[in-house]
Structure formats: C-alpha cells, structure tokens
C-alpha cells in the first residue's frame, strides 16, 4: 500500500475512533431529570415516593407549592427527580414496581405512573405476558428522559419528562413554563402538543450531570 494511502487510512481510522469515543462518552454520562407526575384521586406522597424510589423530602424540595405533605391537590402536577441514563440505547430510567393484586401493565403505566410510561414499554422491558403477571413480581417501569440537545441550545438543563393530557397546547405549556413556543417545539420536533397523549421534554435552567 502506498505510504500516502496508508497515512490517509490511519487518519480516517483515528477520526472515527475519536468520534465514536466522544459519542459513547456523552451518551454514558447521563444527567438529572424530572418527571411531571399528574396527581390522581387516591394517590399520596408516600405512594409516589415509593414507586419512584426516592424520599418525600426530596420530592418536596422540587415542589415549593407543597406546604403540607399530607395535603396535595388532585388534578395538579408535581415534579419528581430521577437520574437519566442509557438503557438499551434509550435515554431512560428503570424503576422497579412490585406487582399487587389486580396489577396490569395498563394500570401501572396509565394510573400508577401517570402515563410517564406505556403498555408497550412495559411489555418490551418485562418478560411476563400482560394478562399473567405473578403476584409480587418485580416489574421494570421504564421512563424516558432527555439530557438536552446542544444543537438547539446550550442554556437549558434538567429536562422535564411531561405526559401530555387532553386540552393542553403548545402555547399553554410554553406559558406555564415561561418558555418561547419556538424553543419548546425545537426540543420536540414534529410533536403536536394538542394530541392529548404521549411524552414531550421541557427544558429548565441549569444542566446537572452525574
């Protein structure tokens, strides 16, 4: 092989190794994230802290509107902190839920975890058939997350995994979070915020890496 061709081949090989090394480093770094949890009738902070493997005090620290841990407003949302990492090439966190009588993937995803995951995700990351979950089985509950996109902005961090609900809109959510509509749409390309279901990722200030 001519010396010049050898040199060029080596440089391409070196560049590819640097590129893939940087991608691997960025994807494995992870970040802190928040889950926007819709408070349903019958839920309480004890239950919520248990299924998210955190403490009540930790949840309260991200929710200054809570002045009494025994009084939470149903039909509102609270922020639940969690760590965001890579699971099977997906940015997510896996929580462990112990099945109780009457547990189904749909009930766990749509009620207990307030649509932060889906039946499809439950089926994908668990070996049990949806209709035959053993009592006390430990189930993987996979919640997707975001660590940002530097191609959109470097100024935002601590992204919120936000399940859309009927009646919501891009303008309403942007107003609630004090963000430009265009920025929120850029972080969620192609998403129709009026669809009333599915996840979007909402940026906050101050990226925290772990």
N, C-alpha and C. Protein backbone atom coordinates (compact mmCIF):
# COMPACT_ATOMS: atom_id res chain seq x y z
N UNK A 1 0.85 -1.20 0.00
CA UNK A 1 0.00 0.00 0.00
C UNK A 1 0.88 1.24 0.00
N UNK A 2 0.59 2.22 -0.92
CA UNK A 2 1.41 3.44 -0.96
C UNK A 2 1.40 4.14 0.38
N UNK A 3 2.51 4.82 0.70
CA UNK A 3 2.67 5.46 2.00
C UNK A 3 1.57 6.50 2.24
N UNK A 4 1.20 7.28 1.18
CA UNK A 4 0.20 8.33 1.34
C UNK A 4 -1.16 7.73 1.67
N UNK A 5 -1.49 6.59 1.00
CA UNK A 5 -2.77 5.94 1.26
C UNK A 5 -2.82 5.38 2.66
N UNK A 6 -1.69 4.81 3.10
CA UNK A 6 -1.61 4.32 4.47
C UNK A 6 -1.88 5.44 5.46
N UNK A 7 -1.27 6.59 5.21
CA UNK A 7 -1.42 7.73 6.10
C UNK A 7 -2.87 8.20 6.17
N UNK A 8 -3.51 8.29 4.99
CA UNK A 8 -4.90 8.73 4.95
C UNK A 8 -5.82 7.74 5.65
N UNK A 9 -5.56 6.45 5.44
CA UNK A 9 -6.37 5.41 6.09
C UNK A 9 -6.26 5.50 7.61
N UNK A 10 -5.03 5.73 8.08
CA UNK A 10 -4.81 5.85 9.52
C UNK A 10 -5.55 7.05 10.10
N UNK A 11 -5.52 8.18 9.35
CA UNK A 11 -6.19 9.38 9.83
C UNK A 11 -7.70 9.19 9.90
N UNK A 12 -8.28 8.51 8.90
CA UNK A 12 -9.72 8.23 8.92
C UNK A 12 -10.05 7.33 10.10
N UNK A 13 -9.22 6.29 10.29
CA UNK A 13 -9.44 5.37 11.41
C UNK A 13 -9.38 6.10 12.75
N UNK A 14 -8.39 7.00 12.87
CA UNK A 14 -8.23 7.76 14.10
C UNK A 14 -9.42 8.69 14.33
N UNK A 15 -9.88 9.34 13.26
CA UNK A 15 -11.01 10.26 13.38
C UNK A 15 -12.27 9.52 13.81
N UNK A 16 -12.49 8.34 13.21
CA UNK A 16 -13.68 7.56 13.57
C UNK A 16 -13.63 7.12 15.02
N UNK A 17 -12.47 6.73 15.50
CA UNK A 17 -12.33 6.32 16.88
C UNK A 17 -12.59 7.48 17.83
N UNK A 18 -12.08 8.66 17.48
CA UNK A 18 -12.33 9.83 18.32
C UNK A 18 -13.81 10.16 18.34
N UNK A 19 -14.45 10.10 17.13
CA UNK A 19 -15.87 10.43 17.03
C UNK A 19 -16.71 9.48 17.87
N UNK A 20 -16.49 8.17 17.68
CA UNK A 20 -17.30 7.21 18.42
C UNK A 20 -16.98 7.23 19.91
N UNK A 21 -15.76 7.56 20.24
CA UNK A 21 -15.41 7.69 21.65
C UNK A 21 -16.14 8.83 22.30
N UNK A 22 -16.27 9.97 21.57
CA UNK A 22 -16.99 11.11 22.11
C UNK A 22 -18.47 10.81 22.25
N UNK A 23 -19.06 10.12 21.25
CA UNK A 23 -20.48 9.77 21.33
C UNK A 23 -20.74 8.87 22.52
N UNK A 24 -19.88 7.85 22.67
CA UNK A 24 -20.05 6.94 23.80
C UNK A 24 -19.93 7.67 25.12
N UNK A 25 -18.96 8.58 25.23
CA UNK A 25 -18.77 9.34 26.46
C UNK A 25 -19.97 10.20 26.78
N UNK A 26 -20.53 10.88 25.76
CA UNK A 26 -21.67 11.75 26.00
C UNK A 26 -22.89 10.95 26.39
N UNK A 27 -23.14 9.81 25.70
CA UNK A 27 -24.35 9.05 25.96
C UNK A 27 -24.29 8.33 27.30
N UNK A 28 -23.09 8.00 27.77
CA UNK A 28 -22.98 7.28 29.03
C UNK A 28 -22.86 8.20 30.23
N UNK A 29 -22.77 9.51 29.98
CA UNK A 29 -22.59 10.43 31.07
C UNK A 29 -23.86 10.57 31.90
N UNK A 30 -25.00 10.68 31.24
CA UNK A 30 -26.26 10.80 31.95
C UNK A 30 -26.47 12.19 32.51
N UNK A 31 -27.61 12.39 33.15
CA UNK A 31 -27.94 13.68 33.72
C UNK A 31 -29.05 13.51 34.75
N UNK A 32 -29.37 14.57 35.42
CA UNK A 32 -30.52 14.58 36.31
C UNK A 32 -31.75 14.97 35.51
N UNK A 33 -32.91 14.49 35.89
CA UNK A 33 -34.15 14.77 35.17
C UNK A 33 -35.30 14.91 36.16
N UNK A 34 -36.44 15.37 35.65
CA UNK A 34 -37.65 15.47 36.45
C UNK A 34 -38.79 14.79 35.71
N UNK A 35 -39.65 14.13 36.46
CA UNK A 35 -40.87 13.56 35.90
C UNK A 35 -42.04 14.44 36.33
N UNK A 36 -42.86 14.84 35.38
CA UNK A 36 -44.06 15.62 35.70
C UNK A 36 -45.19 14.63 35.99
N UNK A 37 -45.52 14.50 37.26
CA UNK A 37 -46.46 13.46 37.71
C UNK A 37 -47.82 14.08 37.96
N UNK A 38 -48.84 13.60 37.21
CA UNK A 38 -50.21 14.07 37.38
C UNK A 38 -50.81 13.37 38.61
N UNK A 39 -51.25 14.15 39.57
CA UNK A 39 -51.74 13.60 40.84
C UNK A 39 -53.19 13.15 40.68
N UNK A 40 -53.42 11.84 40.73
CA UNK A 40 -54.76 11.29 40.56
C UNK A 40 -55.42 11.05 41.93
N UNK A 41 -56.74 10.99 41.91
CA UNK A 41 -57.50 10.79 43.14
C UNK A 41 -57.09 9.49 43.82
N UNK A 42 -56.65 9.58 45.05
CA UNK A 42 -56.23 8.41 45.80
C UNK A 42 -54.73 8.28 45.95
N UNK A 43 -53.97 9.04 45.18
CA UNK A 43 -52.51 8.99 45.32
C UNK A 43 -52.07 9.90 46.46
N UNK A 44 -50.87 9.65 46.97
CA UNK A 44 -50.31 10.49 48.03
C UNK A 44 -48.80 10.45 47.91
N UNK A 45 -48.14 11.31 48.69
CA UNK A 45 -46.68 11.42 48.57
C UNK A 45 -45.96 10.15 49.00
N UNK A 46 -46.54 9.42 49.93
CA UNK A 46 -45.91 8.17 50.35
C UNK A 46 -45.87 7.18 49.20
N UNK A 47 -47.01 7.03 48.51
CA UNK A 47 -47.07 6.12 47.37
C UNK A 47 -46.14 6.59 46.25
N UNK A 48 -46.18 7.89 45.93
CA UNK A 48 -45.37 8.42 44.83
C UNK A 48 -43.88 8.26 45.12
N UNK A 49 -43.46 8.56 46.35
CA UNK A 49 -42.04 8.43 46.69
C UNK A 49 -41.60 6.97 46.63
N UNK A 50 -42.50 6.05 46.97
CA UNK A 50 -42.17 4.63 46.95
C UNK A 50 -41.95 4.13 45.53
N UNK A 51 -42.86 4.46 44.61
CA UNK A 51 -42.73 3.91 43.25
C UNK A 51 -41.59 4.56 42.47
N UNK A 52 -41.14 5.75 42.94
CA UNK A 52 -40.00 6.40 42.29
C UNK A 52 -38.70 6.22 43.07
N UNK A 53 -38.73 5.38 44.10
CA UNK A 53 -37.53 5.07 44.89
C UNK A 53 -36.81 6.32 45.36
N UNK A 54 -37.57 7.25 45.91
CA UNK A 54 -36.99 8.47 46.45
C UNK A 54 -37.65 8.77 47.79
N UNK A 55 -37.41 9.95 48.33
CA UNK A 55 -37.99 10.31 49.62
C UNK A 55 -39.01 11.43 49.44
N UNK A 56 -39.90 11.54 50.39
CA UNK A 56 -40.88 12.61 50.35
C UNK A 56 -40.18 13.96 50.40
N UNK A 57 -39.17 14.08 51.24
CA UNK A 57 -38.44 15.36 51.35
C UNK A 57 -37.77 15.73 50.04
N UNK A 58 -37.26 14.74 49.33
CA UNK A 58 -36.62 15.02 48.04
C UNK A 58 -37.65 15.55 47.04
N UNK A 59 -38.82 14.96 47.03
CA UNK A 59 -39.88 15.45 46.14
C UNK A 59 -40.29 16.86 46.52
N UNK A 60 -40.49 17.10 47.81
CA UNK A 60 -40.92 18.43 48.28
C UNK A 60 -39.90 19.49 47.90
N UNK A 61 -38.62 19.14 47.88
CA UNK A 61 -37.58 20.13 47.57
C UNK A 61 -37.71 20.66 46.14
N UNK A 62 -38.38 19.91 45.26
CA UNK A 62 -38.60 20.36 43.88
C UNK A 62 -40.01 20.91 43.67
N UNK A 63 -40.78 20.99 44.76
CA UNK A 63 -42.16 21.44 44.66
C UNK A 63 -42.50 22.40 45.79
N UNK A 64 -42.05 23.65 45.68
CA UNK A 64 -42.27 24.62 46.77
C UNK A 64 -43.74 24.91 47.03
N UNK A 65 -44.63 24.51 46.11
CA UNK A 65 -46.05 24.74 46.33
C UNK A 65 -46.62 23.83 47.41
N UNK A 66 -45.89 22.76 47.76
CA UNK A 66 -46.36 21.84 48.80
C UNK A 66 -45.93 22.37 50.17
N UNK A 67 -46.89 22.75 50.98
CA UNK A 67 -46.60 23.27 52.32
C UNK A 67 -46.95 22.26 53.41
N UNK A 68 -47.73 21.24 53.04
CA UNK A 68 -48.10 20.18 53.98
C UNK A 68 -48.07 18.87 53.22
N UNK A 69 -47.17 17.95 53.60
CA UNK A 69 -47.01 16.72 52.84
C UNK A 69 -48.26 15.84 52.87
N UNK A 70 -49.17 16.10 53.78
CA UNK A 70 -50.41 15.32 53.85
C UNK A 70 -51.52 15.94 52.99
N UNK A 71 -51.22 17.09 52.38
CA UNK A 71 -52.23 17.77 51.56
C UNK A 71 -51.64 18.07 50.18
N UNK A 72 -52.06 17.29 49.20
CA UNK A 72 -51.66 17.55 47.82
C UNK A 72 -52.93 17.67 46.99
N UNK A 73 -52.88 18.51 45.98
CA UNK A 73 -54.07 18.81 45.20
C UNK A 73 -54.22 17.84 44.03
N UNK A 74 -55.27 17.04 44.06
CA UNK A 74 -55.55 16.13 42.96
C UNK A 74 -55.86 16.92 41.70
N UNK A 75 -55.44 16.39 40.56
CA UNK A 75 -55.66 17.08 39.30
C UNK A 75 -54.59 18.10 38.96
N UNK A 76 -53.55 18.19 39.79
CA UNK A 76 -52.40 19.04 39.51
C UNK A 76 -51.18 18.15 39.27
N UNK A 77 -50.04 18.78 39.05
CA UNK A 77 -48.81 18.02 38.80
C UNK A 77 -47.75 18.36 39.84
N UNK A 78 -46.85 17.42 40.04
CA UNK A 78 -45.66 17.71 40.84
C UNK A 78 -44.44 17.15 40.14
N UNK A 79 -43.28 17.71 40.45
CA UNK A 79 -42.02 17.27 39.85
C UNK A 79 -41.36 16.21 40.73
N UNK A 80 -40.98 15.12 40.10
CA UNK A 80 -40.30 14.04 40.82
C UNK A 80 -38.91 13.87 40.23
N UNK A 81 -37.85 14.09 41.00
CA UNK A 81 -36.49 13.98 40.47
C UNK A 81 -36.07 12.52 40.26
N UNK A 82 -35.30 12.29 39.20
CA UNK A 82 -34.72 10.96 38.96
C UNK A 82 -33.49 11.10 38.09
N UNK A 83 -32.71 10.05 38.00
CA UNK A 83 -31.49 10.08 37.20
C UNK A 83 -31.77 9.51 35.82
N UNK A 84 -31.19 10.15 34.81
CA UNK A 84 -31.40 9.78 33.41
C UNK A 84 -30.12 9.15 32.87
N UNK A 85 -30.22 7.94 32.35
CA UNK A 85 -29.05 7.26 31.80
C UNK A 85 -29.42 6.52 30.53
N UNK A 86 -28.56 5.63 30.09
CA UNK A 86 -28.77 4.90 28.84
C UNK A 86 -29.18 3.47 29.15
N UNK A 87 -30.34 3.08 28.59
CA UNK A 87 -30.85 1.72 28.72
C UNK A 87 -31.16 1.21 27.32
N UNK A 88 -30.39 0.24 26.87
CA UNK A 88 -30.58 -0.31 25.51
C UNK A 88 -30.65 0.81 24.47
N UNK A 89 -29.70 1.73 24.53
CA UNK A 89 -29.57 2.86 23.60
C UNK A 89 -30.71 3.87 23.73
N UNK A 90 -31.48 3.76 24.79
CA UNK A 90 -32.57 4.70 25.05
C UNK A 90 -32.24 5.50 26.30
N UNK A 91 -32.40 6.83 26.22
CA UNK A 91 -32.23 7.64 27.43
C UNK A 91 -33.45 7.43 28.31
N UNK A 92 -33.23 6.86 29.49
CA UNK A 92 -34.35 6.48 30.34
C UNK A 92 -33.86 6.12 31.73
N UNK A 93 -34.83 5.84 32.60
CA UNK A 93 -34.53 5.28 33.92
C UNK A 93 -35.52 4.15 34.16
N UNK A 94 -35.03 3.07 34.73
CA UNK A 94 -35.91 1.95 35.06
C UNK A 94 -36.20 1.93 36.56
N UNK A 95 -37.47 2.10 36.88
CA UNK A 95 -37.93 1.95 38.26
C UNK A 95 -38.44 0.52 38.44
N UNK A 96 -38.46 0.08 39.68
CA UNK A 96 -38.94 -1.27 39.98
C UNK A 96 -40.27 -1.16 40.72
N UNK A 97 -41.28 -1.83 40.16
CA UNK A 97 -42.60 -1.84 40.79
C UNK A 97 -42.96 -3.27 41.16
N UNK A 98 -43.37 -3.48 42.41
CA UNK A 98 -43.78 -4.81 42.86
C UNK A 98 -45.27 -4.99 42.61
N UNK A 99 -45.59 -5.99 41.81
CA UNK A 99 -46.98 -6.22 41.43
C UNK A 99 -47.83 -6.54 42.65
N UNK A 100 -49.03 -5.99 42.64
CA UNK A 100 -50.01 -6.23 43.69
C UNK A 100 -51.24 -6.86 43.05
N UNK A 101 -52.20 -7.34 43.86
CA UNK A 101 -53.41 -7.92 43.26
C UNK A 101 -54.08 -6.95 42.29
N UNK A 102 -54.40 -7.44 41.11
CA UNK A 102 -55.06 -6.61 40.11
C UNK A 102 -54.12 -5.80 39.24
N UNK A 103 -52.81 -5.96 39.43
CA UNK A 103 -51.85 -5.20 38.62
C UNK A 103 -51.90 -5.64 37.17
N UNK A 104 -51.97 -4.67 36.28
CA UNK A 104 -51.85 -4.91 34.84
C UNK A 104 -50.88 -3.88 34.30
N UNK A 105 -50.30 -4.15 33.14
CA UNK A 105 -49.40 -3.18 32.54
C UNK A 105 -50.11 -1.84 32.31
N UNK A 106 -51.36 -1.91 31.89
CA UNK A 106 -52.10 -0.68 31.62
C UNK A 106 -52.32 0.12 32.89
N UNK A 107 -52.72 -0.54 33.96
CA UNK A 107 -52.97 0.17 35.22
C UNK A 107 -51.69 0.79 35.77
N UNK A 108 -50.59 0.04 35.68
CA UNK A 108 -49.31 0.54 36.18
C UNK A 108 -48.85 1.75 35.36
N UNK A 109 -48.93 1.63 34.03
CA UNK A 109 -48.44 2.70 33.16
C UNK A 109 -49.32 3.93 33.22
N UNK A 110 -50.63 3.75 33.08
CA UNK A 110 -51.52 4.89 32.90
C UNK A 110 -52.01 5.50 34.21
N UNK A 111 -52.09 4.70 35.27
CA UNK A 111 -52.55 5.25 36.55
C UNK A 111 -51.39 5.44 37.52
N UNK A 112 -50.78 4.34 37.95
CA UNK A 112 -49.76 4.44 38.99
C UNK A 112 -48.60 5.34 38.57
N UNK A 113 -48.15 5.24 37.30
CA UNK A 113 -47.06 6.08 36.82
C UNK A 113 -47.55 7.22 35.95
N UNK A 114 -48.85 7.46 35.97
CA UNK A 114 -49.44 8.68 35.41
C UNK A 114 -49.01 8.95 33.97
N UNK A 115 -49.00 7.87 33.14
CA UNK A 115 -48.67 7.97 31.71
C UNK A 115 -47.22 8.40 31.44
N UNK A 116 -46.35 8.25 32.42
CA UNK A 116 -44.93 8.51 32.19
C UNK A 116 -44.27 7.36 31.43
N UNK A 117 -44.97 6.23 31.34
CA UNK A 117 -44.54 5.12 30.51
C UNK A 117 -45.77 4.60 29.79
N UNK A 118 -45.61 3.53 29.02
CA UNK A 118 -46.72 3.00 28.24
C UNK A 118 -46.81 1.48 28.39
N UNK A 119 -47.94 0.94 27.98
CA UNK A 119 -48.10 -0.51 27.99
C UNK A 119 -47.04 -1.15 27.09
N UNK A 120 -46.75 -0.51 25.95
CA UNK A 120 -45.75 -1.04 25.03
C UNK A 120 -44.37 -1.11 25.69
N UNK A 121 -44.03 -0.08 26.45
CA UNK A 121 -42.73 -0.07 27.15
C UNK A 121 -42.71 -1.13 28.25
N UNK A 122 -43.83 -1.29 28.96
CA UNK A 122 -43.90 -2.32 30.00
C UNK A 122 -43.70 -3.70 29.38
N UNK A 123 -44.34 -3.94 28.25
CA UNK A 123 -44.22 -5.23 27.58
C UNK A 123 -42.81 -5.46 27.07
N UNK A 124 -42.20 -4.41 26.55
CA UNK A 124 -40.85 -4.52 25.98
C UNK A 124 -39.81 -4.87 27.03
N UNK A 125 -39.93 -4.30 28.23
CA UNK A 125 -38.88 -4.46 29.23
C UNK A 125 -39.22 -5.45 30.34
N UNK A 126 -40.28 -6.23 30.13
CA UNK A 126 -40.63 -7.28 31.09
C UNK A 126 -40.94 -8.57 30.34
N UNK A 127 -40.71 -9.69 31.00
CA UNK A 127 -40.90 -10.98 30.34
C UNK A 127 -42.29 -11.57 30.55
N UNK A 128 -43.08 -10.98 31.44
CA UNK A 128 -44.40 -11.52 31.72
C UNK A 128 -45.42 -11.09 30.67
N UNK A 129 -46.33 -11.99 30.34
CA UNK A 129 -47.42 -11.62 29.46
C UNK A 129 -48.34 -10.64 30.20
N UNK A 130 -48.90 -9.66 29.49
CA UNK A 130 -49.73 -8.65 30.16
C UNK A 130 -50.88 -9.22 30.96
N UNK A 131 -51.39 -10.39 30.55
CA UNK A 131 -52.55 -10.96 31.24
C UNK A 131 -52.18 -11.94 32.34
N UNK A 132 -50.89 -12.16 32.56
CA UNK A 132 -50.48 -13.15 33.59
C UNK A 132 -49.27 -12.66 34.36
N UNK A 133 -49.43 -11.55 35.07
CA UNK A 133 -48.35 -11.01 35.90
C UNK A 133 -48.43 -11.65 37.27
N UNK A 134 -47.39 -12.36 37.71
CA UNK A 134 -47.45 -13.02 39.02
C UNK A 134 -47.53 -12.00 40.16
N UNK A 135 -48.24 -12.37 41.21
CA UNK A 135 -48.31 -11.53 42.40
C UNK A 135 -46.91 -11.34 42.98
N UNK A 136 -46.58 -10.11 43.35
CA UNK A 136 -45.28 -9.73 43.93
C UNK A 136 -44.13 -9.75 42.93
N UNK A 137 -44.44 -9.94 41.64
CA UNK A 137 -43.37 -9.88 40.63
C UNK A 137 -42.76 -8.49 40.61
N UNK A 138 -41.45 -8.42 40.40
CA UNK A 138 -40.75 -7.15 40.31
C UNK A 138 -40.69 -6.74 38.84
N UNK A 139 -41.37 -5.65 38.52
CA UNK A 139 -41.51 -5.23 37.14
C UNK A 139 -40.64 -4.02 36.84
N UNK A 140 -40.08 -3.99 35.63
CA UNK A 140 -39.33 -2.83 35.17
C UNK A 140 -40.29 -1.79 34.61
N UNK A 141 -40.22 -0.58 35.16
CA UNK A 141 -41.02 0.52 34.65
C UNK A 141 -40.05 1.53 34.05
N UNK A 142 -40.04 1.63 32.73
CA UNK A 142 -39.06 2.44 32.02
C UNK A 142 -39.64 3.79 31.65
N UNK A 143 -39.03 4.84 32.18
CA UNK A 143 -39.48 6.22 31.92
C UNK A 143 -38.42 6.92 31.08
N UNK A 144 -38.82 7.38 29.90
CA UNK A 144 -37.88 8.08 29.02
C UNK A 144 -37.53 9.45 29.57
N UNK A 145 -36.38 9.97 29.14
CA UNK A 145 -35.92 11.26 29.65
C UNK A 145 -35.05 11.94 28.59
N UNK A 146 -34.61 13.14 28.88
CA UNK A 146 -33.76 13.90 27.96
C UNK A 146 -32.64 14.58 28.73
N UNK A 147 -31.48 14.63 28.10
CA UNK A 147 -30.36 15.39 28.65
C UNK A 147 -30.06 16.62 27.80
N UNK A 148 -31.02 16.99 26.94
CA UNK A 148 -30.86 18.21 26.16
C UNK A 148 -30.35 17.96 24.76
N UNK A 149 -30.25 19.03 24.01
CA UNK A 149 -29.77 18.98 22.63
C UNK A 149 -28.98 20.26 22.38
N UNK A 150 -27.67 20.13 22.32
CA UNK A 150 -26.83 21.32 22.14
C UNK A 150 -27.04 21.98 20.79
N UNK A 151 -27.61 21.22 19.84
CA UNK A 151 -27.92 21.81 18.56
C UNK A 151 -29.06 22.80 18.63
N UNK A 152 -29.89 22.69 19.67
CA UNK A 152 -30.99 23.63 19.89
C UNK A 152 -30.53 24.76 20.80
N UNK A 153 -29.96 24.42 21.95
CA UNK A 153 -29.47 25.43 22.89
C UNK A 153 -28.57 24.78 23.92
N UNK A 154 -27.60 25.53 24.40
CA UNK A 154 -26.73 25.07 25.48
C UNK A 154 -27.14 25.66 26.83
N UNK A 155 -28.22 26.43 26.84
CA UNK A 155 -28.57 27.20 28.03
C UNK A 155 -29.52 26.50 28.97
N UNK A 156 -30.09 25.37 28.54
CA UNK A 156 -31.14 24.74 29.33
C UNK A 156 -30.72 23.36 29.81
N UNK A 157 -31.25 22.97 30.95
CA UNK A 157 -30.93 21.67 31.50
C UNK A 157 -32.03 21.19 32.43
N UNK A 158 -31.79 20.07 33.08
CA UNK A 158 -32.75 19.45 33.99
C UNK A 158 -34.10 19.33 33.31
N UNK A 159 -34.15 18.51 32.26
CA UNK A 159 -35.34 18.41 31.43
C UNK A 159 -36.46 17.65 32.14
N UNK A 160 -37.68 18.10 31.88
CA UNK A 160 -38.88 17.50 32.47
C UNK A 160 -39.51 16.54 31.46
N UNK A 161 -39.69 15.29 31.87
CA UNK A 161 -40.47 14.34 31.07
C UNK A 161 -41.94 14.61 31.37
N UNK A 162 -42.67 15.07 30.37
CA UNK A 162 -44.00 15.64 30.58
C UNK A 162 -45.04 14.89 29.74
N UNK A 163 -45.93 14.11 30.38
CA UNK A 163 -47.00 13.43 29.63
C UNK A 163 -48.10 14.43 29.26
N UNK A 164 -48.39 14.53 27.99
CA UNK A 164 -49.45 15.43 27.53
C UNK A 164 -50.81 14.90 27.97
N UNK A 165 -51.72 15.84 28.25
CA UNK A 165 -53.08 15.49 28.62
C UNK A 165 -54.06 16.22 27.70
N UNK A 166 -55.27 15.67 27.55
CA UNK A 166 -56.27 16.32 26.69
C UNK A 166 -56.52 17.76 27.11
N UNK A 167 -56.64 18.64 26.13
CA UNK A 167 -56.91 20.05 26.39
C UNK A 167 -55.67 20.91 26.48
N UNK A 168 -54.49 20.29 26.50
CA UNK A 168 -53.25 21.07 26.56
C UNK A 168 -52.82 21.50 25.16
N UNK A 169 -51.95 22.49 25.11
CA UNK A 169 -51.48 23.01 23.84
C UNK A 169 -50.05 23.51 23.99
N UNK A 170 -49.39 23.73 22.86
CA UNK A 170 -48.04 24.26 22.87
C UNK A 170 -48.00 25.62 23.57
N UNK A 171 -48.92 26.49 23.23
CA UNK A 171 -48.91 27.84 23.81
C UNK A 171 -49.17 27.80 25.31
N UNK A 172 -50.07 26.94 25.75
CA UNK A 172 -50.38 26.85 27.18
C UNK A 172 -49.22 26.31 27.99
N UNK A 173 -48.58 25.26 27.50
CA UNK A 173 -47.44 24.67 28.22
C UNK A 173 -46.27 25.64 28.22
N UNK A 174 -46.01 26.28 27.07
CA UNK A 174 -44.92 27.25 26.99
C UNK A 174 -45.14 28.39 27.99
N UNK A 175 -46.39 28.84 28.10
CA UNK A 175 -46.71 29.91 29.05
C UNK A 175 -46.51 29.45 30.48
N UNK A 176 -46.94 28.23 30.80
CA UNK A 176 -46.80 27.70 32.16
C UNK A 176 -45.34 27.63 32.58
N UNK A 177 -44.46 27.30 31.64
CA UNK A 177 -43.04 27.14 31.96
C UNK A 177 -42.22 28.38 31.65
N UNK A 178 -42.86 29.42 31.13
CA UNK A 178 -42.15 30.65 30.83
C UNK A 178 -41.13 30.50 29.72
N UNK A 179 -41.49 29.73 28.67
CA UNK A 179 -40.57 29.44 27.58
C UNK A 179 -41.15 29.94 26.25
N UNK A 180 -40.30 30.30 25.30
CA UNK A 180 -40.80 30.61 23.95
C UNK A 180 -41.39 29.35 23.31
N UNK A 181 -42.49 29.50 22.60
CA UNK A 181 -43.10 28.36 21.93
C UNK A 181 -42.13 27.71 20.95
N UNK A 182 -41.37 28.54 20.23
CA UNK A 182 -40.46 28.01 19.22
C UNK A 182 -39.39 27.12 19.85
N UNK A 183 -38.89 27.50 21.03
CA UNK A 183 -37.87 26.71 21.71
C UNK A 183 -38.45 25.36 22.13
N UNK A 184 -39.64 25.38 22.70
CA UNK A 184 -40.28 24.14 23.14
C UNK A 184 -40.54 23.21 21.96
N UNK A 185 -40.95 23.77 20.84
CA UNK A 185 -41.17 22.96 19.65
C UNK A 185 -39.87 22.41 19.10
N UNK A 186 -38.79 23.21 19.15
CA UNK A 186 -37.49 22.75 18.66
C UNK A 186 -36.98 21.55 19.45
N UNK A 187 -37.27 21.51 20.73
CA UNK A 187 -36.85 20.37 21.55
C UNK A 187 -37.74 19.14 21.32
N UNK A 188 -38.88 19.36 20.67
CA UNK A 188 -39.81 18.26 20.40
C UNK A 188 -40.27 18.31 18.94
N UNK A 189 -39.33 18.12 18.01
CA UNK A 189 -39.64 18.28 16.59
C UNK A 189 -40.74 17.34 16.12
N UNK A 190 -41.69 17.91 15.38
CA UNK A 190 -42.76 17.10 14.81
C UNK A 190 -43.88 16.75 15.75
N UNK A 191 -43.79 17.15 17.01
CA UNK A 191 -44.81 16.79 18.00
C UNK A 191 -45.98 17.77 17.94
N UNK A 192 -47.20 17.23 17.90
CA UNK A 192 -48.41 18.04 18.00
C UNK A 192 -48.81 18.08 19.47
N UNK A 193 -48.62 19.21 20.11
CA UNK A 193 -48.88 19.34 21.55
C UNK A 193 -50.37 19.25 21.88
N UNK A 194 -51.24 19.26 20.87
CA UNK A 194 -52.67 19.19 21.12
C UNK A 194 -53.20 17.76 21.08
N UNK A 195 -52.32 16.80 20.88
CA UNK A 195 -52.79 15.42 20.69
C UNK A 195 -53.32 14.79 21.97
N UNK A 196 -52.97 15.34 23.14
CA UNK A 196 -53.54 14.88 24.40
C UNK A 196 -52.93 13.63 24.99
N UNK A 197 -51.85 13.12 24.39
CA UNK A 197 -51.17 11.94 24.93
C UNK A 197 -49.74 11.91 24.43
N UNK A 198 -48.93 11.04 25.03
CA UNK A 198 -47.53 10.95 24.65
C UNK A 198 -46.66 11.87 25.49
N UNK A 199 -45.34 11.71 25.33
CA UNK A 199 -44.39 12.48 26.13
C UNK A 199 -43.76 13.61 25.33
N UNK A 200 -43.50 14.71 26.02
CA UNK A 200 -42.65 15.77 25.49
C UNK A 200 -41.60 16.07 26.56
N UNK A 201 -40.54 16.74 26.12
CA UNK A 201 -39.45 17.08 27.04
C UNK A 201 -39.33 18.59 27.13
N UNK A 202 -39.40 19.09 28.35
CA UNK A 202 -39.46 20.53 28.58
C UNK A 202 -38.18 20.97 29.29
N UNK A 203 -37.46 21.96 28.73
CA UNK A 203 -36.18 22.36 29.30
C UNK A 203 -36.31 23.30 30.49
N UNK A 204 -35.37 23.15 31.41
CA UNK A 204 -35.24 24.08 32.52
C UNK A 204 -33.81 24.57 32.57
N UNK A 205 -33.53 25.52 33.42
CA UNK A 205 -32.16 26.04 33.53
C UNK A 205 -31.28 25.11 34.34
N UNK A 206 -29.97 25.16 34.08
CA UNK A 206 -29.01 24.52 34.97
C UNK A 206 -28.84 23.05 34.77
N UNK A 207 -28.21 22.62 33.69
CA UNK A 207 -27.95 21.21 33.47
C UNK A 207 -27.11 20.63 34.61
N UNK A 208 -27.54 19.46 35.11
CA UNK A 208 -26.79 18.77 36.16
C UNK A 208 -26.36 17.41 35.63
N UNK A 209 -25.07 17.16 35.54
CA UNK A 209 -24.59 15.88 35.06
C UNK A 209 -24.23 15.00 36.24
N UNK A 210 -24.27 13.69 36.02
CA UNK A 210 -23.96 12.74 37.09
C UNK A 210 -22.87 11.78 36.62
